[in-house]
Amino acid sequence: ILKQLYPHAQEEIKGTGELIHSEYIHEDTIDTS
């Protein structure tokens, strides 16, 4: 989706590595790959 929104950066948009975010204790398994 991000590549569609910003085609000029398609080659640079890759799967995220280190995350700056905070999480609750989820009951679901969230796939971020």
All heavy atoms as atom14 arrays in JSON, in Angstrom:
{
  "sequence": "ILKQLYPHAQEEIKGTGELIHSEYIHEDTIDTS",
  "atom14_mask": [
    [1, 1, 1, 1, 1, 1, 1, 1, 0, 0, 0, 0, 0, 0],
    [1, 1, 1, 1, 1, 1, 1, 1, 0, 0, 0, 0, 0, 0],
    [1, 1, 1, 1, 1, 1, 1, 1, 1, 0, 0, 0, 0, 0],
    [1, 1, 1, 1, 1, 1, 1, 1, 1, 0, 0, 0, 0, 0],
    [1, 1, 1, 1, 1, 1, 1, 1, 0, 0, 0, 0, 0, 0],
    [1, 1, 1, 1, 1, 1, 1, 1, 1, 1, 1, 1, 0, 0],
    [1, 1, 1, 1, 1, 1, 1, 0, 0, 0, 0, 0, 0, 0],
    [1, 1, 1, 1, 1, 1, 1, 1, 1, 1, 0, 0, 0, 0],
    [1, 1, 1, 1, 1, 0, 0, 0, 0, 0, 0, 0, 0, 0],
    [1, 1, 1, 1, 1, 1, 1, 1, 1, 0, 0, 0, 0, 0],
    [1, 1, 1, 1, 1, 1, 1, 1, 1, 0, 0, 0, 0, 0],
    [1, 1, 1, 1, 1, 1, 1, 1, 1, 0, 0, 0, 0, 0],
    [1, 1, 1, 1, 1, 1, 1, 1, 0, 0, 0, 0, 0, 0],
    [1, 1, 1, 1, 1, 1, 1, 1, 1, 0, 0, 0, 0, 0],
    [1, 1, 1, 1, 0, 0, 0, 0, 0, 0, 0, 0, 0, 0],
    [1, 1, 1, 1, 1, 1, 1, 0, 0, 0, 0, 0, 0, 0],
    [1, 1, 1, 1, 0, 0, 0, 0, 0, 0, 0, 0, 0, 0],
    [1, 1, 1, 1, 1, 1, 1, 1, 1, 0, 0, 0, 0, 0],
    [1, 1, 1, 1, 1, 1, 1, 1, 0, 0, 0, 0, 0, 0],
    [1, 1, 1, 1, 1, 1, 1, 1, 0, 0, 0, 0, 0, 0],
    [1, 1, 1, 1, 1, 1, 1, 1, 1, 1, 0, 0, 0, 0],
    [1, 1, 1, 1, 1, 1, 0, 0, 0, 0, 0, 0, 0, 0],
    [1, 1, 1, 1, 1, 1, 1, 1, 1, 0, 0, 0, 0, 0],
    [1, 1, 1, 1, 1, 1, 1, 1, 1, 1, 1, 1, 0, 0],
    [1, 1, 1, 1, 1, 1, 1, 1, 0, 0, 0, 0, 0, 0],
    [1, 1, 1, 1, 1, 1, 1, 1, 1, 1, 0, 0, 0, 0],
    [1, 1, 1, 1, 1, 1, 1, 1, 1, 0, 0, 0, 0, 0],
    [1, 1, 1, 1, 1, 1, 1, 1, 0, 0, 0, 0, 0, 0],
    [1, 1, 1, 1, 1, 1, 1, 0, 0, 0, 0, 0, 0, 0],
    [1, 1, 1, 1, 1, 1, 1, 1, 0, 0, 0, 0, 0, 0],
    [1, 1, 1, 1, 1, 1, 1, 1, 0, 0, 0, 0, 0, 0],
    [1, 1, 1, 1, 1, 1, 1, 0, 0, 0, 0, 0, 0, 0],
    [1, 1, 1, 1, 1, 1, 0, 0, 0, 0, 0, 0, 0, 0]
  ],
  "atom14_positions": [
    [[0.84, -1.21, 0.0], [0.0, 0.0, 0.0], [0.87, 1.25, 0.0], [0.59, 2.22, -0.72], [-0.95, -0.01, 1.22], [-1.96, -1.15, 1.09], [-1.65, 1.33, 1.38], [-2.88, -1.29, 2.28], [0.0, 0.0, 0.0], [0.0, 0.0, 0.0], [0.0, 0.0, 0.0], [0.0, 0.0, 0.0], [0.0, 0.0, 0.0], [0.0, 0.0, 0.0]],
    [[1.94, 1.24, 0.8], [2.81, 2.41, 0.87], [3.5, 2.66, -0.46], [3.68, 3.82, -0.87], [3.84, 2.21, 1.99], [4.52, 3.48, 2.52], [3.5, 4.4, 3.17], [5.63, 3.14, 3.5], [0.0, 0.0, 0.0], [0.0, 0.0, 0.0], [0.0, 0.0, 0.0], [0.0, 0.0, 0.0], [0.0, 0.0, 0.0], [0.0, 0.0, 0.0]],
    [[3.86, 1.61, -1.16], [4.5, 1.78, -2.47], [3.53, 2.38, -3.47], [3.94, 3.16, -4.35], [5.01, 0.42, -2.97], [6.26, -0.07, -2.25], [6.76, -1.38, -2.84], [8.05, -1.81, -2.16], [8.58, -3.08, -2.72], [0.0, 0.0, 0.0], [0.0, 0.0, 0.0], [0.0, 0.0, 0.0], [0.0, 0.0, 0.0], [0.0, 0.0, 0.0]],
    [[2.24, 2.05, -3.37], [1.26, 2.65, -4.26], [1.08, 4.14, -3.97], [0.91, 4.94, -4.89], [-0.08, 1.93, -4.09], [-0.09, 0.49, -4.58], [-1.4, -0.21, -4.27], [-2.4, 0.42, -3.92], [-1.41, -1.53, -4.37], [0.0, 0.0, 0.0], [0.0, 0.0, 0.0], [0.0, 0.0, 0.0], [0.0, 0.0, 0.0], [0.0, 0.0, 0.0]],
    [[1.14, 4.49, -2.68], [0.93, 5.89, -2.3], [2.15, 6.75, -2.63], [2.0, 7.94, -2.94], [0.62, 5.98, -0.8], [-0.7, 5.36, -0.35], [-0.8, 5.38, 1.18], [-1.88, 6.11, -0.97], [0.0, 0.0, 0.0], [0.0, 0.0, 0.0], [0.0, 0.0, 0.0], [0.0, 0.0, 0.0], [0.0, 0.0, 0.0], [0.0, 0.0, 0.0]],
    [[3.35, 6.17, -2.56], [4.59, 6.94, -2.79], [5.46, 6.19, -3.8], [6.49, 5.59, -3.45], [5.34, 7.14, -1.47], [4.52, 7.9, -0.45], [3.78, 7.22, 0.52], [4.46, 9.29, -0.46], [3.0, 7.91, 1.45], [3.69, 9.98, 0.45], [2.96, 9.29, 1.4], [2.19, 9.97, 2.32], [0.0, 0.0, 0.0], [0.0, 0.0, 0.0]],
    [[5.06, 6.21, -5.07], [5.8, 5.46, -6.09], [7.25, 5.92, -6.26], [8.1, 5.15, -6.68], [4.99, 5.69, -7.37], [4.16, 6.92, -7.1], [3.89, 6.91, -5.64], [0.0, 0.0, 0.0], [0.0, 0.0, 0.0], [0.0, 0.0, 0.0], [0.0, 0.0, 0.0], [0.0, 0.0, 0.0], [0.0, 0.0, 0.0], [0.0, 0.0, 0.0]],
    [[7.54, 7.18, -5.93], [8.91, 7.69, -6.1], [9.89, 7.03, -5.14], [11.11, 7.12, -5.33], [8.94, 9.21, -5.9], [8.63, 9.64, -4.5], [7.33, 9.73, -4.04], [9.43, 9.96, -3.46], [7.35, 10.13, -2.77], [8.61, 10.28, -2.4], [0.0, 0.0, 0.0], [0.0, 0.0, 0.0], [0.0, 0.0, 0.0], [0.0, 0.0, 0.0]],
    [[9.37, 6.36, -4.1], [10.26, 5.73, -3.11], [10.1, 4.21, -3.1], [10.43, 3.56, -2.11], [9.97, 6.31, -1.73], [0.0, 0.0, 0.0], [0.0, 0.0, 0.0], [0.0, 0.0, 0.0], [0.0, 0.0, 0.0], [0.0, 0.0, 0.0], [0.0, 0.0, 0.0], [0.0, 0.0, 0.0], [0.0, 0.0, 0.0], [0.0, 0.0, 0.0]],
    [[9.61, 3.63, -4.2], [9.33, 2.2, -4.23], [10.56, 1.36, -3.91], [10.48, 0.37, -3.18], [8.79, 1.8, -5.61], [7.31, 2.1, -5.78], [6.72, 1.39, -6.98], [7.36, 0.52, -7.56], [5.51, 1.76, -7.35], [0.0, 0.0, 0.0], [0.0, 0.0, 0.0], [0.0, 0.0, 0.0], [0.0, 0.0, 0.0], [0.0, 0.0, 0.0]],
    [[11.7, 1.74, -4.44], [12.91, 0.93, -4.25], [13.43, 1.01, -2.81], [14.13, 0.11, -2.35], [14.01, 1.4, -5.22], [13.64, 1.25, -6.69], [13.37, -0.2, -7.06], [14.08, -1.08, -6.53], [12.45, -0.44, -7.86], [0.0, 0.0, 0.0], [0.0, 0.0, 0.0], [0.0, 0.0, 0.0], [0.0, 0.0, 0.0], [0.0, 0.0, 0.0]],
    [[13.09, 2.08, -2.12], [13.63, 2.29, -0.77], [12.71, 1.78, 0.33], [13.12, 1.62, 1.47], [13.9, 3.79, -0.55], [14.93, 4.33, -1.51], [14.95, 5.86, -1.49], [13.92, 6.46, -1.86], [15.98, 6.42, -1.11], [0.0, 0.0, 0.0], [0.0, 0.0, 0.0], [0.0, 0.0, 0.0], [0.0, 0.0, 0.0], [0.0, 0.0, 0.0]],
    [[11.44, 1.52, -0.01], [10.48, 1.04, 0.98], [10.66, -0.46, 1.16], [10.42, -1.24, 0.24], [9.04, 1.36, 0.55], [8.83, 2.88, 0.48], [8.03, 0.73, 1.52], [7.47, 3.29, -0.04], [0.0, 0.0, 0.0], [0.0, 0.0, 0.0], [0.0, 0.0, 0.0], [0.0, 0.0, 0.0], [0.0, 0.0, 0.0], [0.0, 0.0, 0.0]],
    [[11.1, -0.86, 2.32], [11.34, -2.26, 2.63], [10.69, -2.59, 3.97], [10.22, -1.72, 4.67], [12.84, -2.56, 2.68], [13.58, -2.25, 1.38], [15.06, -2.46, 1.53], [15.8, -2.12, 0.25], [17.27, -2.27, 0.4], [0.0, 0.0, 0.0], [0.0, 0.0, 0.0], [0.0, 0.0, 0.0], [0.0, 0.0, 0.0], [0.0, 0.0, 0.0]],
    [[10.7, -3.87, 4.3], [10.14, -4.3, 5.58], [10.81, -3.59, 6.73], [12.02, -3.35, 6.71], [0.0, 0.0, 0.0], [0.0, 0.0, 0.0], [0.0, 0.0, 0.0], [0.0, 0.0, 0.0], [0.0, 0.0, 0.0], [0.0, 0.0, 0.0], [0.0, 0.0, 0.0], [0.0, 0.0, 0.0], [0.0, 0.0, 0.0], [0.0, 0.0, 0.0]],
    [[10.04, -3.25, 7.72], [10.58, -2.47, 8.83], [11.55, -3.3, 9.66], [11.38, -4.5, 9.83], [9.43, -1.94, 9.71], [9.96, -1.02, 10.64], [8.75, -3.06, 10.48], [0.0, 0.0, 0.0], [0.0, 0.0, 0.0], [0.0, 0.0, 0.0], [0.0, 0.0, 0.0], [0.0, 0.0, 0.0], [0.0, 0.0, 0.0], [0.0, 0.0, 0.0]],
    [[12.55, -2.65, 10.16], [13.5, -3.31, 11.05], [13.19, -2.95, 12.49], [12.2, -3.39, 13.06], [0.0, 0.0, 0.0], [0.0, 0.0, 0.0], [0.0, 0.0, 0.0], [0.0, 0.0, 0.0], [0.0, 0.0, 0.0], [0.0, 0.0, 0.0], [0.0, 0.0, 0.0], [0.0, 0.0, 0.0], [0.0, 0.0, 0.0], [0.0, 0.0, 0.0]],
    [[14.01, -2.1, 13.08], [13.76, -1.64, 14.44], [12.5, -0.8, 14.49], [12.26, 0.05, 13.63], [14.96, -0.82, 14.92], [14.79, -0.29, 16.34], [15.92, 0.66, 16.72], [16.75, 0.97, 15.86], [15.94, 1.07, 17.89], [0.0, 0.0, 0.0], [0.0, 0.0, 0.0], [0.0, 0.0, 0.0], [0.0, 0.0, 0.0], [0.0, 0.0, 0.0]],
    [[11.66, -1.06, 15.47], [10.39, -0.35, 15.58], [10.42, 0.65, 16.73], [10.91, 0.33, 17.81], [9.24, -1.33, 15.81], [8.9, -2.28, 14.66], [7.79, -3.22, 15.1], [8.47, -1.51, 13.42], [0.0, 0.0, 0.0], [0.0, 0.0, 0.0], [0.0, 0.0, 0.0], [0.0, 0.0, 0.0], [0.0, 0.0, 0.0], [0.0, 0.0, 0.0]],
    [[9.92, 1.84, 16.46], [9.68, 2.81, 17.52], [8.17, 2.8, 17.75], [7.42, 3.5, 17.09], [10.15, 4.22, 17.12], [11.66, 4.25, 16.98], [9.71, 5.25, 18.16], [12.42, 4.12, 18.27], [0.0, 0.0, 0.0], [0.0, 0.0, 0.0], [0.0, 0.0, 0.0], [0.0, 0.0, 0.0], [0.0, 0.0, 0.0], [0.0, 0.0, 0.0]],
    [[7.71, 1.93, 18.61], [6.3, 1.91, 18.93], [6.11, 1.21, 20.26], [7.02, 0.56, 20.76], [5.48, 1.24, 17.82], [5.61, -0.25, 17.78], [6.82, -0.89, 17.71], [4.66, -1.22, 17.83], [6.62, -2.19, 17.7], [5.32, -2.43, 17.78], [0.0, 0.0, 0.0], [0.0, 0.0, 0.0], [0.0, 0.0, 0.0], [0.0, 0.0, 0.0]],
    [[4.96, 1.37, 20.81], [4.65, 0.77, 22.1], [3.4, -0.07, 21.94], [2.51, 0.25, 21.16], [4.41, 1.87, 23.15], [5.49, 2.77, 23.16], [0.0, 0.0, 0.0], [0.0, 0.0, 0.0], [0.0, 0.0, 0.0], [0.0, 0.0, 0.0], [0.0, 0.0, 0.0], [0.0, 0.0, 0.0], [0.0, 0.0, 0.0], [0.0, 0.0, 0.0]],
    [[3.35, -1.17, 22.67], [2.25, -2.1, 22.49], [1.56, -2.41, 23.8], [2.19, -2.44, 24.86], [2.75, -3.41, 21.87], [3.11, -3.31, 20.4], [3.42, -4.67, 19.8], [3.44, -5.65, 20.58], [3.63, -4.75, 18.59], [0.0, 0.0, 0.0], [0.0, 0.0, 0.0], [0.0, 0.0, 0.0], [0.0, 0.0, 0.0], [0.0, 0.0, 0.0]],
    [[0.27, -2.66, 23.68], [-0.47, -3.26, 24.78], [-0.16, -4.75, 24.79], [0.53, -5.26, 23.92], [-1.97, -3.02, 24.58], [-2.37, -1.58, 24.5], [-2.62, -0.96, 23.28], [-2.49, -0.8, 25.65], [-2.98, 0.37, 23.2], [-2.86, 0.53, 25.58], [-3.1, 1.11, 24.36], [-3.45, 2.44, 24.29], [0.0, 0.0, 0.0], [0.0, 0.0, 0.0]],
    [[-0.66, -5.44, 25.78], [-0.52, -6.89, 25.83], [-1.67, -7.47, 25.01], [-2.79, -7.58, 25.49], [-0.53, -7.41, 27.28], [0.64, -6.79, 28.05], [-0.44, -8.93, 27.31], [0.66, -7.14, 29.51], [0.0, 0.0, 0.0], [0.0, 0.0, 0.0], [0.0, 0.0, 0.0], [0.0, 0.0, 0.0], [0.0, 0.0, 0.0], [0.0, 0.0, 0.0]],
    [[-1.37, -7.82, 23.75], [-2.42, -8.26, 22.84], [-2.74, -9.74, 23.05], [-1.88, -10.54, 23.41], [-1.99, -8.04, 21.39], [-1.8, -6.59, 21.03], [-2.84, -5.72, 20.9], [-0.67, -5.88, 20.77], [-2.38, -4.52, 20.57], [-1.07, -4.6, 20.49], [0.0, 0.0, 0.0], [0.0, 0.0, 0.0], [0.0, 0.0, 0.0], [0.0, 0.0, 0.0]],
    [[-3.98, -10.08, 22.76], [-4.38, -11.48, 22.75], [-4.17, -12.09, 21.37], [-4.11, -13.3, 21.24], [-5.85, -11.6, 23.18], [-6.09, -11.14, 24.61], [-7.55, -11.22, 25.01], [-8.38, -11.59, 24.16], [-7.85, -10.93, 26.18], [0.0, 0.0, 0.0], [0.0, 0.0, 0.0], [0.0, 0.0, 0.0], [0.0, 0.0, 0.0], [0.0, 0.0, 0.0]],
    [[-4.09, -11.26, 20.35], [-3.86, -11.74, 18.98], [-2.37, -11.68, 18.66], [-1.62, -10.88, 19.23], [-4.62, -10.89, 17.97], [-6.12, -10.93, 18.2], [-6.6, -11.95, 18.72], [-6.8, -9.94, 17.87], [0.0, 0.0, 0.0], [0.0, 0.0, 0.0], [0.0, 0.0, 0.0], [0.0, 0.0, 0.0], [0.0, 0.0, 0.0], [0.0, 0.0, 0.0]],
    [[-1.96, -12.51, 17.71], [-0.59, -12.46, 17.2], [-0.57, -11.53, 16.01], [-1.3, -11.73, 15.03], [-0.12, -13.86, 16.78], [-0.16, -14.73, 17.91], [1.31, -13.8, 16.25], [0.0, 0.0, 0.0], [0.0, 0.0, 0.0], [0.0, 0.0, 0.0], [0.0, 0.0, 0.0], [0.0, 0.0, 0.0], [0.0, 0.0, 0.0], [0.0, 0.0, 0.0]],
    [[0.26, -10.5, 16.09], [0.3, -9.47, 15.04], [1.56, -9.66, 14.21], [2.69, -9.58, 14.72], [0.26, -8.06, 15.66], [-1.02, -7.89, 16.48], [0.34, -7.0, 14.56], [-1.1, -6.58, 17.22], [0.0, 0.0, 0.0], [0.0, 0.0, 0.0], [0.0, 0.0, 0.0], [0.0, 0.0, 0.0], [0.0, 0.0, 0.0], [0.0, 0.0, 0.0]],
    [[1.39, -9.91, 12.92], [2.5, -10.13, 12.01], [2.93, -8.79, 11.41], [2.14, -8.12, 10.74], [2.08, -11.11, 10.91], [3.21, -11.41, 9.94], [4.37, -11.1, 10.28], [2.94, -11.95, 8.84], [0.0, 0.0, 0.0], [0.0, 0.0, 0.0], [0.0, 0.0, 0.0], [0.0, 0.0, 0.0], [0.0, 0.0, 0.0], [0.0, 0.0, 0.0]],
    [[4.17, -8.42, 11.65], [4.69, -7.14, 11.13], [5.7, -7.35, 10.01], [6.34, -6.4, 9.57], [5.35, -6.33, 12.26], [6.46, -7.08, 12.8], [4.35, -6.05, 13.37], [0.0, 0.0, 0.0], [0.0, 0.0, 0.0], [0.0, 0.0, 0.0], [0.0, 0.0, 0.0], [0.0, 0.0, 0.0], [0.0, 0.0, 0.0], [0.0, 0.0, 0.0]],
    [[5.84, -8.59, 9.54], [6.88, -8.88, 8.54], [6.61, -8.2, 7.2], [7.56, -7.92, 6.45], [7.01, -10.39, 8.34], [5.78, -10.93, 7.87], [0.0, 0.0, 0.0], [0.0, 0.0, 0.0], [0.0, 0.0, 0.0], [0.0, 0.0, 0.0], [0.0, 0.0, 0.0], [0.0, 0.0, 0.0], [0.0, 0.0, 0.0], [0.0, 0.0, 0.0]]
  ]
}
